[in-house]
Amino acid sequence: EREVAFKVLDRKYAENREAIERFRREARNAASLRHPNIVATHDRGETENGTYYIVMEYLEGGTLEDLIQSEGLLPPREAAEIAVEISEALQLAHESGVIHRDIKPQNILLTKSGEAKVADFGIARAASATTMTQAGSILGTVHYISPEQALGELATPRSDLYSLGVVLYEMLTGELPYDAETPVGVVMKHVSGLTRSPRDANPEVPEELDALV
């Protein structure tokens, strides 16, 4: 008697046993992470026709991406509160040996009251077992990817914190810190480093928060 959200593994991966097993393992990892700022996993299973699914709590507040698009930018205090909630979720995950690898506004869900909850733990890692890597695609959304991931190195807890920094920058300014006409161009800017601080883009950002970002 409650509303839930279903996440279903794409049928094009149905014959890839390695991908399915990785997806199952990561679903177990996600289900083991219990924290107020992590989307709860209620159940997981497989249908008779071989479709693998995860059942999660349903959140009515939309995504952080939706909020940024509708508001343009967020007041510094609200942005900081959301960033703290995300960082507390990441701390628990990292202490449990789980790295998210794909922190971005689309993966941050909001409750009705505006509380942030991180979704899709381990999904990026599960995807790396599929044709995405075989095709040479960069894992994670390029605008939020850490320099080491962009260079093909292993993701670490610091990679998640870097991506959170990009999300915080976007919340404070309504803009992305790096953009270019091609994904490779964006990657090169991540590797080169930040040229424009949040405070340069939005003078309302306090100096301490600017330094933190």
N, C-alpha and C. Protein backbone atom coordinates (compact mmCIF):
# COMPACT_ATOMS: atom_id res chain seq x y z
N GLU A 1 0.81 -1.21 0.00
CA GLU A 1 0.00 0.00 0.00
C GLU A 1 0.85 1.27 0.00
N ARG A 2 1.90 1.27 -0.80
CA ARG A 2 2.73 2.47 -0.91
C ARG A 2 3.22 2.59 -2.35
N GLU A 3 3.46 3.83 -2.76
CA GLU A 3 3.99 4.06 -4.09
C GLU A 3 5.49 3.79 -4.08
N VAL A 4 5.96 3.12 -5.13
CA VAL A 4 7.38 2.81 -5.25
C VAL A 4 7.85 3.13 -6.67
N ALA A 5 9.16 3.14 -6.84
CA ALA A 5 9.75 3.34 -8.17
C ALA A 5 10.45 2.05 -8.60
N PHE A 6 10.26 1.67 -9.84
CA PHE A 6 10.92 0.49 -10.39
C PHE A 6 12.03 0.94 -11.34
N LYS A 7 13.21 0.35 -11.20
CA LYS A 7 14.28 0.55 -12.16
C LYS A 7 14.54 -0.80 -12.84
N VAL A 8 14.48 -0.80 -14.17
CA VAL A 8 14.57 -2.04 -14.92
C VAL A 8 15.82 -2.02 -15.80
N LEU A 9 16.56 -3.15 -15.80
CA LEU A 9 17.76 -3.25 -16.63
C LEU A 9 17.35 -3.32 -18.10
N ASP A 10 17.98 -2.50 -18.92
CA ASP A 10 17.66 -2.43 -20.35
C ASP A 10 17.76 -3.81 -20.99
N ARG A 11 16.76 -4.14 -21.83
CA ARG A 11 16.71 -5.47 -22.44
C ARG A 11 17.92 -5.76 -23.32
N LYS A 12 18.59 -4.72 -23.82
CA LYS A 12 19.74 -4.97 -24.71
C LYS A 12 20.91 -5.59 -23.95
N TYR A 13 20.85 -5.55 -22.60
CA TYR A 13 21.90 -6.19 -21.79
C TYR A 13 21.46 -7.56 -21.28
N ALA A 14 20.28 -8.00 -21.69
CA ALA A 14 19.69 -9.22 -21.11
C ALA A 14 20.53 -10.46 -21.38
N GLU A 15 21.27 -10.49 -22.48
CA GLU A 15 22.07 -11.66 -22.81
C GLU A 15 23.49 -11.58 -22.26
N ASN A 16 23.82 -10.44 -21.67
CA ASN A 16 25.16 -10.25 -21.14
C ASN A 16 25.17 -10.69 -19.67
N ARG A 17 25.57 -11.95 -19.45
CA ARG A 17 25.50 -12.50 -18.09
C ARG A 17 26.42 -11.75 -17.13
N GLU A 18 27.58 -11.31 -17.64
CA GLU A 18 28.50 -10.57 -16.78
C GLU A 18 27.86 -9.26 -16.32
N ALA A 19 27.18 -8.59 -17.27
CA ALA A 19 26.52 -7.32 -16.93
C ALA A 19 25.42 -7.55 -15.91
N ILE A 20 24.64 -8.60 -16.09
CA ILE A 20 23.54 -8.88 -15.17
C ILE A 20 24.08 -9.20 -13.78
N GLU A 21 25.13 -10.03 -13.71
CA GLU A 21 25.70 -10.38 -12.41
C GLU A 21 26.28 -9.14 -11.73
N ARG A 22 26.93 -8.27 -12.50
CA ARG A 22 27.47 -7.03 -11.94
C ARG A 22 26.33 -6.15 -11.43
N PHE A 23 25.25 -6.07 -12.22
CA PHE A 23 24.09 -5.27 -11.83
C PHE A 23 23.49 -5.80 -10.53
N ARG A 24 23.38 -7.13 -10.42
CA ARG A 24 22.85 -7.74 -9.20
C ARG A 24 23.73 -7.42 -7.99
N ARG A 25 25.04 -7.55 -8.19
CA ARG A 25 25.97 -7.31 -7.09
C ARG A 25 25.89 -5.86 -6.62
N GLU A 26 25.83 -4.94 -7.58
CA GLU A 26 25.75 -3.52 -7.23
C GLU A 26 24.40 -3.20 -6.58
N ALA A 27 23.34 -3.90 -7.02
CA ALA A 27 22.03 -3.70 -6.38
C ALA A 27 22.08 -4.13 -4.92
N ARG A 28 22.80 -5.22 -4.65
CA ARG A 28 22.97 -5.66 -3.26
C ARG A 28 23.75 -4.62 -2.46
N ASN A 29 24.80 -4.07 -3.08
CA ASN A 29 25.58 -3.02 -2.41
C ASN A 29 24.69 -1.83 -2.06
N ALA A 30 23.90 -1.39 -3.05
CA ALA A 30 23.02 -0.24 -2.84
C ALA A 30 22.00 -0.53 -1.74
N ALA A 31 21.48 -1.77 -1.73
CA ALA A 31 20.47 -2.13 -0.74
C ALA A 31 21.05 -2.14 0.67
N SER A 32 22.36 -2.35 0.78
CA SER A 32 22.99 -2.41 2.09
C SER A 32 23.26 -1.02 2.67
N LEU A 33 23.15 0.03 1.83
CA LEU A 33 23.42 1.39 2.28
C LEU A 33 22.14 2.00 2.85
N ARG A 34 22.05 2.08 4.14
CA ARG A 34 20.87 2.64 4.78
C ARG A 34 21.22 3.97 5.42
N HIS A 35 20.65 5.04 4.87
CA HIS A 35 20.95 6.39 5.35
C HIS A 35 19.80 7.30 4.93
N PRO A 36 19.45 8.30 5.75
CA PRO A 36 18.34 9.19 5.40
C PRO A 36 18.52 9.93 4.08
N ASN A 37 19.78 10.07 3.62
CA ASN A 37 20.04 10.80 2.38
C ASN A 37 20.43 9.89 1.21
N ILE A 38 20.08 8.61 1.34
CA ILE A 38 20.26 7.66 0.24
C ILE A 38 18.90 7.05 -0.09
N VAL A 39 18.55 7.01 -1.36
CA VAL A 39 17.28 6.43 -1.78
C VAL A 39 17.23 4.96 -1.34
N ALA A 40 16.20 4.60 -0.59
CA ALA A 40 16.11 3.24 -0.04
C ALA A 40 15.74 2.23 -1.12
N THR A 41 16.39 1.08 -1.07
CA THR A 41 16.05 -0.03 -1.96
C THR A 41 15.17 -1.01 -1.18
N HIS A 42 13.95 -1.23 -1.69
CA HIS A 42 13.00 -2.11 -1.00
C HIS A 42 13.15 -3.57 -1.40
N ASP A 43 13.43 -3.79 -2.69
CA ASP A 43 13.40 -5.17 -3.19
C ASP A 43 14.14 -5.22 -4.52
N ARG A 44 14.48 -6.42 -4.94
CA ARG A 44 15.09 -6.62 -6.26
C ARG A 44 14.73 -8.03 -6.71
N GLY A 45 14.72 -8.24 -8.01
CA GLY A 45 14.34 -9.57 -8.49
C GLY A 45 14.38 -9.66 -10.00
N GLU A 46 13.80 -10.74 -10.51
CA GLU A 46 13.82 -11.02 -11.94
C GLU A 46 12.45 -11.55 -12.35
N THR A 47 11.92 -11.06 -13.46
CA THR A 47 10.62 -11.52 -13.94
C THR A 47 10.79 -12.86 -14.66
N GLU A 48 9.66 -13.48 -15.00
CA GLU A 48 9.70 -14.79 -15.67
C GLU A 48 10.39 -14.71 -17.02
N ASN A 49 10.32 -13.53 -17.67
CA ASN A 49 10.96 -13.43 -18.99
C ASN A 49 12.40 -12.92 -18.90
N GLY A 50 12.95 -12.87 -17.67
CA GLY A 50 14.36 -12.56 -17.53
C GLY A 50 14.69 -11.08 -17.37
N THR A 51 13.69 -10.25 -17.11
CA THR A 51 13.95 -8.83 -16.90
C THR A 51 14.33 -8.59 -15.44
N TYR A 52 15.49 -7.97 -15.22
CA TYR A 52 15.96 -7.74 -13.86
C TYR A 52 15.52 -6.35 -13.41
N TYR A 53 15.07 -6.25 -12.15
CA TYR A 53 14.54 -4.97 -11.67
C TYR A 53 14.97 -4.69 -10.23
N ILE A 54 14.91 -3.41 -9.86
CA ILE A 54 15.12 -2.97 -8.48
C ILE A 54 13.91 -2.13 -8.10
N VAL A 55 13.41 -2.30 -6.89
CA VAL A 55 12.28 -1.51 -6.38
C VAL A 55 12.81 -0.54 -5.32
N MET A 56 12.55 0.73 -5.51
CA MET A 56 13.08 1.76 -4.62
C MET A 56 11.96 2.66 -4.11
N GLU A 57 12.29 3.43 -3.07
CA GLU A 57 11.30 4.39 -2.58
C GLU A 57 11.03 5.43 -3.66
N TYR A 58 9.79 5.89 -3.71
CA TYR A 58 9.37 6.91 -4.69
C TYR A 58 9.39 8.28 -4.03
N LEU A 59 10.07 9.23 -4.68
CA LEU A 59 10.18 10.59 -4.14
C LEU A 59 9.47 11.56 -5.07
N GLU A 60 8.62 12.40 -4.48
CA GLU A 60 7.74 13.25 -5.29
C GLU A 60 8.37 14.59 -5.66
N GLY A 61 9.53 14.91 -5.09
CA GLY A 61 10.10 16.24 -5.29
C GLY A 61 10.89 16.43 -6.56
N GLY A 62 10.98 15.40 -7.40
CA GLY A 62 11.76 15.52 -8.63
C GLY A 62 13.25 15.42 -8.37
N THR A 63 14.06 15.87 -9.33
CA THR A 63 15.51 15.79 -9.20
C THR A 63 16.10 17.17 -8.93
N LEU A 64 17.34 17.17 -8.50
CA LEU A 64 18.05 18.43 -8.30
C LEU A 64 18.22 19.15 -9.64
N GLU A 65 18.35 18.38 -10.71
CA GLU A 65 18.44 18.98 -12.05
C GLU A 65 17.17 19.78 -12.34
N ASP A 66 16.00 19.20 -12.02
CA ASP A 66 14.73 19.91 -12.24
C ASP A 66 14.71 21.23 -11.46
N LEU A 67 15.19 21.17 -10.21
CA LEU A 67 15.16 22.35 -9.35
C LEU A 67 16.08 23.45 -9.89
N ILE A 68 17.28 23.08 -10.33
CA ILE A 68 18.21 24.07 -10.88
C ILE A 68 17.65 24.69 -12.15
N GLN A 69 17.02 23.87 -12.99
CA GLN A 69 16.46 24.38 -14.24
C GLN A 69 15.31 25.35 -13.98
N SER A 70 14.51 25.07 -12.95
CA SER A 70 13.36 25.94 -12.67
C SER A 70 13.76 27.20 -11.91
N GLU A 71 14.79 27.10 -11.05
CA GLU A 71 15.19 28.23 -10.21
C GLU A 71 16.32 29.06 -10.84
N GLY A 72 17.08 28.45 -11.72
CA GLY A 72 18.25 29.14 -12.29
C GLY A 72 19.47 28.93 -11.41
N LEU A 73 19.43 29.43 -10.20
CA LEU A 73 20.44 29.15 -9.20
C LEU A 73 19.78 29.14 -7.83
N LEU A 74 20.44 28.53 -6.86
CA LEU A 74 19.85 28.39 -5.53
C LEU A 74 20.52 29.35 -4.55
N PRO A 75 19.79 29.82 -3.53
CA PRO A 75 20.42 30.63 -2.49
C PRO A 75 21.59 29.86 -1.88
N PRO A 76 22.69 30.53 -1.55
CA PRO A 76 23.87 29.84 -1.01
C PRO A 76 23.56 28.91 0.16
N ARG A 77 22.69 29.33 1.08
CA ARG A 77 22.38 28.48 2.24
C ARG A 77 21.70 27.18 1.80
N GLU A 78 20.74 27.28 0.88
CA GLU A 78 20.04 26.09 0.40
C GLU A 78 21.01 25.16 -0.34
N ALA A 79 21.87 25.74 -1.18
CA ALA A 79 22.85 24.93 -1.92
C ALA A 79 23.79 24.21 -0.95
N ALA A 80 24.23 24.93 0.09
CA ALA A 80 25.14 24.34 1.07
C ALA A 80 24.46 23.20 1.83
N GLU A 81 23.19 23.39 2.20
CA GLU A 81 22.46 22.34 2.93
C GLU A 81 22.32 21.08 2.08
N ILE A 82 22.00 21.25 0.81
CA ILE A 82 21.89 20.09 -0.10
C ILE A 82 23.24 19.40 -0.24
N ALA A 83 24.32 20.19 -0.38
CA ALA A 83 25.66 19.62 -0.52
C ALA A 83 26.06 18.82 0.72
N VAL A 84 25.69 19.32 1.90
CA VAL A 84 25.99 18.61 3.14
C VAL A 84 25.25 17.27 3.17
N GLU A 85 23.99 17.27 2.76
CA GLU A 85 23.21 16.03 2.75
C GLU A 85 23.83 15.01 1.79
N ILE A 86 24.26 15.48 0.62
CA ILE A 86 24.90 14.57 -0.34
C ILE A 86 26.21 14.04 0.23
N SER A 87 26.99 14.93 0.86
CA SER A 87 28.31 14.50 1.37
C SER A 87 28.15 13.50 2.51
N GLU A 88 27.11 13.65 3.32
CA GLU A 88 26.89 12.67 4.40
C GLU A 88 26.51 11.30 3.83
N ALA A 89 25.73 11.30 2.75
CA ALA A 89 25.40 10.03 2.08
C ALA A 89 26.67 9.40 1.51
N LEU A 90 27.51 10.22 0.90
CA LEU A 90 28.75 9.70 0.31
C LEU A 90 29.70 9.18 1.39
N GLN A 91 29.73 9.85 2.53
CA GLN A 91 30.62 9.40 3.61
C GLN A 91 30.25 7.97 4.03
N LEU A 92 28.94 7.72 4.22
CA LEU A 92 28.52 6.37 4.61
C LEU A 92 28.89 5.36 3.52
N ALA A 93 28.63 5.71 2.26
CA ALA A 93 28.94 4.80 1.16
C ALA A 93 30.43 4.49 1.11
N HIS A 94 31.26 5.54 1.21
CA HIS A 94 32.71 5.34 1.13
C HIS A 94 33.22 4.49 2.29
N GLU A 95 32.66 4.70 3.47
CA GLU A 95 33.05 3.89 4.63
C GLU A 95 32.64 2.42 4.43
N SER A 96 31.63 2.21 3.58
CA SER A 96 31.16 0.85 3.29
C SER A 96 31.86 0.27 2.06
N GLY A 97 32.80 1.02 1.49
CA GLY A 97 33.54 0.54 0.32
C GLY A 97 32.84 0.71 -1.00
N VAL A 98 31.81 1.57 -1.04
CA VAL A 98 31.04 1.79 -2.28
C VAL A 98 31.33 3.19 -2.81
N ILE A 99 31.75 3.27 -4.07
CA ILE A 99 31.97 4.55 -4.74
C ILE A 99 30.84 4.75 -5.74
N HIS A 100 30.25 5.94 -5.77
CA HIS A 100 29.10 6.18 -6.65
C HIS A 100 29.52 6.24 -8.12
N ARG A 101 30.53 7.07 -8.43
CA ARG A 101 31.12 7.22 -9.77
C ARG A 101 30.33 8.10 -10.73
N ASP A 102 29.13 8.51 -10.36
CA ASP A 102 28.32 9.28 -11.31
C ASP A 102 27.45 10.30 -10.58
N ILE A 103 28.06 11.07 -9.68
CA ILE A 103 27.32 12.10 -8.96
C ILE A 103 27.02 13.25 -9.92
N LYS A 104 25.74 13.57 -10.07
CA LYS A 104 25.28 14.66 -10.94
C LYS A 104 23.86 15.01 -10.49
N PRO A 105 23.35 16.18 -10.86
CA PRO A 105 22.02 16.60 -10.39
C PRO A 105 20.89 15.62 -10.74
N GLN A 106 21.03 14.90 -11.86
CA GLN A 106 20.00 13.94 -12.25
C GLN A 106 19.90 12.78 -11.27
N ASN A 107 21.00 12.50 -10.55
CA ASN A 107 21.02 11.38 -9.61
C ASN A 107 20.76 11.80 -8.17
N ILE A 108 20.38 13.07 -7.98
CA ILE A 108 20.01 13.56 -6.66
C ILE A 108 18.50 13.80 -6.67
N LEU A 109 17.77 13.01 -5.89
CA LEU A 109 16.31 13.14 -5.83
C LEU A 109 15.93 13.95 -4.60
N LEU A 110 14.78 14.60 -4.66
CA LEU A 110 14.34 15.48 -3.58
C LEU A 110 13.00 15.02 -3.01
N THR A 111 12.87 15.14 -1.69
CA THR A 111 11.60 14.88 -1.05
C THR A 111 10.70 16.10 -1.22
N LYS A 112 9.44 15.97 -0.79
CA LYS A 112 8.51 17.11 -0.87
C LYS A 112 9.05 18.32 -0.13
N SER A 113 9.75 18.08 0.98
CA SER A 113 10.26 19.18 1.80
C SER A 113 11.62 19.69 1.33
N GLY A 114 12.16 19.09 0.25
CA GLY A 114 13.42 19.57 -0.31
C GLY A 114 14.65 18.86 0.18
N GLU A 115 14.49 17.79 0.96
CA GLU A 115 15.64 17.03 1.43
C GLU A 115 16.24 16.22 0.28
N ALA A 116 17.57 16.18 0.19
CA ALA A 116 18.25 15.50 -0.91
C ALA A 116 18.53 14.04 -0.57
N LYS A 117 18.35 13.17 -1.58
CA LYS A 117 18.67 11.75 -1.44
C LYS A 117 19.41 11.30 -2.69
N VAL A 118 20.53 10.63 -2.50
CA VAL A 118 21.35 10.17 -3.62
C VAL A 118 20.81 8.85 -4.15
N ALA A 119 20.69 8.76 -5.47
CA ALA A 119 20.17 7.55 -6.12
C ALA A 119 21.25 6.91 -7.00
N ASP A 120 20.98 5.70 -7.41
CA ASP A 120 21.80 4.98 -8.41
C ASP A 120 23.21 4.66 -7.95
N PHE A 121 23.39 4.31 -6.68
CA PHE A 121 24.71 3.85 -6.23
C PHE A 121 25.08 2.57 -6.97
N GLY A 122 26.28 2.55 -7.55
CA GLY A 122 26.78 1.35 -8.19
C GLY A 122 26.30 1.14 -9.61
N ILE A 123 25.35 1.95 -10.07
CA ILE A 123 24.84 1.75 -11.43
C ILE A 123 25.94 1.99 -12.46
N ALA A 124 26.77 3.03 -12.24
CA ALA A 124 27.85 3.32 -13.17
C ALA A 124 28.83 2.16 -13.25
N ARG A 125 29.11 1.56 -12.09
CA ARG A 125 30.03 0.43 -12.08
C ARG A 125 29.42 -0.77 -12.80
N ALA A 126 28.13 -0.98 -12.60
CA ALA A 126 27.46 -2.07 -13.30
C ALA A 126 27.50 -1.85 -14.80
N ALA A 127 27.33 -0.59 -15.21
CA ALA A 127 27.33 -0.28 -16.64
C ALA A 127 28.68 -0.55 -17.28
N SER A 128 29.74 -0.48 -16.48
CA SER A 128 31.08 -0.67 -17.05
C SER A 128 31.30 -2.09 -17.53
N ALA A 129 30.43 -3.02 -17.14
CA ALA A 129 30.55 -4.40 -17.60
C ALA A 129 29.86 -4.59 -18.95
N THR A 130 29.21 -3.56 -19.46
CA THR A 130 28.42 -3.70 -20.68
C THR A 130 29.18 -3.12 -21.88
N THR A 131 28.47 -3.03 -22.98
CA THR A 131 29.09 -2.55 -24.22
C THR A 131 29.49 -1.09 -24.13
N MET A 132 29.04 -0.38 -23.11
CA MET A 132 29.42 1.04 -23.00
C MET A 132 30.93 1.20 -22.99
N THR A 133 31.61 0.36 -22.18
CA THR A 133 33.06 0.48 -22.11
C THR A 133 33.69 -0.11 -23.36
N GLN A 134 33.11 -1.20 -23.84
CA GLN A 134 33.67 -1.83 -25.03
C GLN A 134 33.67 -0.85 -26.20
N ALA A 135 32.69 0.06 -26.21
CA ALA A 135 32.62 1.05 -27.29
C ALA A 135 33.54 2.24 -27.01
N GLY A 136 34.18 2.24 -25.83
CA GLY A 136 35.11 3.31 -25.51
C GLY A 136 34.47 4.55 -24.94
N SER A 137 33.21 4.46 -24.53
CA SER A 137 32.54 5.63 -23.97
C SER A 137 33.12 5.98 -22.61
N ILE A 138 33.14 7.28 -22.29
CA ILE A 138 33.58 7.71 -20.96
C ILE A 138 32.43 7.50 -20.00
N LEU A 139 32.73 6.78 -18.91
CA LEU A 139 31.70 6.49 -17.92
C LEU A 139 31.42 7.73 -17.09
N GLY A 140 30.15 7.93 -16.76
CA GLY A 140 29.79 9.14 -16.02
C GLY A 140 29.51 10.27 -16.98
N THR A 141 28.72 11.22 -16.56
CA THR A 141 28.40 12.35 -17.41
C THR A 141 29.59 13.28 -17.48
N VAL A 142 29.97 13.65 -18.68
CA VAL A 142 31.26 14.32 -18.90
C VAL A 142 31.39 15.65 -18.15
N HIS A 143 30.30 16.37 -17.96
CA HIS A 143 30.39 17.67 -17.28
C HIS A 143 30.70 17.54 -15.79
N TYR A 144 30.51 16.34 -15.23
CA TYR A 144 30.70 16.15 -13.79
C TYR A 144 31.83 15.17 -13.48
N ILE A 145 32.52 14.71 -14.50
CA ILE A 145 33.51 13.65 -14.34
C ILE A 145 34.80 14.20 -13.72
N SER A 146 35.41 13.40 -12.86
CA SER A 146 36.66 13.83 -12.24
C SER A 146 37.81 13.69 -13.24
N PRO A 147 38.89 14.47 -13.05
CA PRO A 147 40.02 14.38 -13.99
C PRO A 147 40.59 12.97 -14.10
N GLU A 148 40.71 12.25 -12.96
CA GLU A 148 41.30 10.90 -13.03
C GLU A 148 40.40 9.95 -13.80
N GLN A 149 39.08 10.07 -13.65
CA GLN A 149 38.18 9.23 -14.45
C GLN A 149 38.27 9.60 -15.92
N ALA A 150 38.38 10.90 -16.20
CA ALA A 150 38.50 11.36 -17.58
C ALA A 150 39.76 10.81 -18.24
N LEU A 151 40.80 10.61 -17.44
CA LEU A 151 42.07 10.09 -17.96
C LEU A 151 42.12 8.56 -17.95
N GLY A 152 40.99 7.93 -17.59
CA GLY A 152 40.92 6.48 -17.64
C GLY A 152 41.44 5.79 -16.41
N GLU A 153 41.70 6.55 -15.33
CA GLU A 153 42.18 5.95 -14.09
C GLU A 153 41.00 5.51 -13.23
N LEU A 154 41.28 4.73 -12.19
CA LEU A 154 40.23 4.22 -11.32
C LEU A 154 39.60 5.34 -10.50
N ALA A 155 38.30 5.23 -10.30
CA ALA A 155 37.59 6.18 -9.44
C ALA A 155 37.89 5.86 -7.98
N THR A 156 37.96 6.89 -7.16
CA THR A 156 38.17 6.75 -5.72
C THR A 156 37.11 7.60 -5.01
N PRO A 157 37.04 7.55 -3.69
CA PRO A 157 36.12 8.45 -2.99
C PRO A 157 36.32 9.92 -3.36
N ARG A 158 37.58 10.31 -3.64
CA ARG A 158 37.85 11.69 -4.04
C ARG A 158 37.14 12.04 -5.35
N SER A 159 36.95 11.05 -6.21
CA SER A 159 36.27 11.29 -7.49
C SER A 159 34.83 11.74 -7.25
N ASP A 160 34.16 11.10 -6.29
CA ASP A 160 32.80 11.50 -5.95
C ASP A 160 32.77 12.91 -5.38
N LEU A 161 33.77 13.26 -4.55
CA LEU A 161 33.82 14.60 -3.96
C LEU A 161 34.06 15.66 -5.02
N TYR A 162 34.88 15.34 -6.01
CA TYR A 162 35.11 16.27 -7.12
C TYR A 162 33.78 16.55 -7.84
N SER A 163 33.05 15.47 -8.15
CA SER A 163 31.78 15.63 -8.86
C SER A 163 30.78 16.42 -8.01
N LEU A 164 30.80 16.20 -6.68
CA LEU A 164 29.95 16.99 -5.80
C LEU A 164 30.33 18.47 -5.86
N GLY A 165 31.62 18.76 -5.98
CA GLY A 165 32.07 20.15 -6.14
C GLY A 165 31.49 20.79 -7.38
N VAL A 166 31.43 20.03 -8.47
CA VAL A 166 30.84 20.54 -9.72
C VAL A 166 29.35 20.81 -9.51
N VAL A 167 28.66 19.89 -8.83
CA VAL A 167 27.22 20.06 -8.56
C VAL A 167 27.00 21.30 -7.70
N LEU A 168 27.83 21.51 -6.69
CA LEU A 168 27.70 22.67 -5.81
C LEU A 168 27.94 23.95 -6.60
N TYR A 169 28.93 23.95 -7.48
CA TYR A 169 29.19 25.10 -8.36
C TYR A 169 27.94 25.43 -9.17
N GLU A 170 27.32 24.39 -9.73
CA GLU A 170 26.13 24.60 -10.57
C GLU A 170 24.95 25.12 -9.75
N MET A 171 24.79 24.61 -8.53
CA MET A 171 23.70 25.10 -7.68
C MET A 171 23.88 26.58 -7.36
N LEU A 172 25.13 27.01 -7.14
CA LEU A 172 25.42 28.39 -6.71
C LEU A 172 25.38 29.39 -7.86
N THR A 173 25.63 28.92 -9.07
CA THR A 173 25.76 29.85 -10.21
C THR A 173 24.73 29.64 -11.31
N GLY A 174 24.08 28.48 -11.33
CA GLY A 174 23.17 28.16 -12.42
C GLY A 174 23.92 27.80 -13.69
N GLU A 175 25.25 27.67 -13.59
CA GLU A 175 26.10 27.36 -14.75
C GLU A 175 27.01 26.17 -14.42
N LEU A 176 27.54 25.56 -15.46
CA LEU A 176 28.55 24.52 -15.29
C LEU A 176 29.93 25.17 -15.31
N PRO A 177 30.87 24.65 -14.51
CA PRO A 177 32.20 25.27 -14.50
C PRO A 177 32.95 25.09 -15.81
N TYR A 178 32.65 24.02 -16.53
CA TYR A 178 33.34 23.75 -17.80
C TYR A 178 32.33 23.40 -18.88
N ASP A 179 32.53 23.97 -20.06
CA ASP A 179 31.72 23.60 -21.22
C ASP A 179 32.57 23.76 -22.46
N ALA A 180 32.23 23.01 -23.48
CA ALA A 180 32.94 23.07 -24.76
C ALA A 180 32.03 22.46 -25.81
N GLU A 181 32.45 22.55 -27.06
CA GLU A 181 31.61 22.05 -28.15
C GLU A 181 31.63 20.53 -28.25
N THR A 182 32.66 19.90 -27.68
CA THR A 182 32.77 18.44 -27.75
C THR A 182 33.03 17.87 -26.37
N PRO A 183 32.66 16.60 -26.14
CA PRO A 183 32.97 15.96 -24.85
C PRO A 183 34.46 15.98 -24.53
N VAL A 184 35.30 15.77 -25.55
CA VAL A 184 36.74 15.78 -25.32
C VAL A 184 37.19 17.16 -24.85
N GLY A 185 36.58 18.20 -25.40
CA GLY A 185 36.92 19.56 -24.99
C GLY A 185 36.58 19.81 -23.53
N VAL A 186 35.43 19.27 -23.09
CA VAL A 186 35.04 19.41 -21.68
C VAL A 186 36.03 18.67 -20.79
N VAL A 187 36.39 17.46 -21.19
CA VAL A 187 37.34 16.65 -20.42
C VAL A 187 38.66 17.39 -20.24
N MET A 188 39.17 17.99 -21.31
CA MET A 188 40.45 18.69 -21.23
C MET A 188 40.38 19.86 -20.25
N LYS A 189 39.21 20.50 -20.15
CA LYS A 189 39.06 21.61 -19.20
C LYS A 189 39.04 21.09 -17.76
N HIS A 190 38.44 19.92 -17.54
CA HIS A 190 38.47 19.32 -16.21
C HIS A 190 39.92 19.05 -15.79
N VAL A 191 40.71 18.55 -16.73
CA VAL A 191 42.10 18.20 -16.43
C VAL A 191 42.93 19.46 -16.19
N SER A 192 42.60 20.54 -16.90
CA SER A 192 43.38 21.79 -16.80
C SER A 192 43.12 22.55 -15.51
N GLY A 193 41.91 22.46 -14.97
CA GLY A 193 41.62 23.14 -13.71
C GLY A 193 40.69 24.32 -13.86
N LEU A 194 40.16 24.79 -12.71
CA LEU A 194 39.14 25.83 -12.68
C LEU A 194 39.71 27.21 -12.99
N THR A 195 39.02 27.93 -13.87
CA THR A 195 39.47 29.29 -14.23
C THR A 195 38.54 30.37 -13.68
N ARG A 196 37.28 30.01 -13.41
CA ARG A 196 36.30 30.99 -12.94
C ARG A 196 35.64 30.47 -11.67
N SER A 197 35.82 31.18 -10.57
CA SER A 197 35.27 30.72 -9.30
C SER A 197 33.77 30.98 -9.24
N PRO A 198 33.04 30.30 -8.34
CA PRO A 198 31.60 30.57 -8.18
C PRO A 198 31.33 32.04 -7.85
N ARG A 199 32.19 32.64 -7.03
CA ARG A 199 32.00 34.03 -6.62
C ARG A 199 32.16 35.00 -7.79
N ASP A 200 33.00 34.64 -8.75
CA ASP A 200 33.15 35.45 -9.96
C ASP A 200 31.85 35.44 -10.76
N ALA A 201 31.17 34.28 -10.76
CA ALA A 201 29.93 34.14 -11.52
C ALA A 201 28.73 34.68 -10.75
N ASN A 202 28.79 34.61 -9.41
CA ASN A 202 27.69 35.06 -8.56
C ASN A 202 28.26 35.71 -7.30
N PRO A 203 28.31 37.04 -7.24
CA PRO A 203 28.89 37.74 -6.09
C PRO A 203 28.18 37.46 -4.76
N GLU A 204 26.98 36.85 -4.80
CA GLU A 204 26.25 36.53 -3.57
C GLU A 204 26.88 35.34 -2.83
N VAL A 205 27.76 34.61 -3.49
CA VAL A 205 28.39 33.43 -2.86
C VAL A 205 29.38 33.91 -1.80
N PRO A 206 29.22 33.47 -0.54
CA PRO A 206 30.17 33.86 0.52
C PRO A 206 31.58 33.35 0.21
N GLU A 207 32.59 34.08 0.69
CA GLU A 207 33.98 33.73 0.42
C GLU A 207 34.31 32.31 0.89
N GLU A 208 33.81 31.94 2.09
CA GLU A 208 34.12 30.61 2.63
C GLU A 208 33.57 29.52 1.74
N LEU A 209 32.35 29.70 1.23
CA LEU A 209 31.74 28.70 0.35
C LEU A 209 32.45 28.67 -0.98
N ASP A 210 32.87 29.83 -1.46
CA ASP A 210 33.63 29.92 -2.71
C ASP A 210 34.92 29.12 -2.59
N ALA A 211 35.62 29.29 -1.46
CA ALA A 211 36.87 28.57 -1.22
C ALA A 211 36.65 27.06 -1.14
N LEU A 212 35.54 26.67 -0.51
CA LEU A 212 35.22 25.25 -0.36
C LEU A 212 35.02 24.60 -1.73
N VAL A 213 34.27 25.27 -2.59
CA VAL A 213 34.02 24.73 -3.93
C VAL A 213 35.34 24.57 -4.68
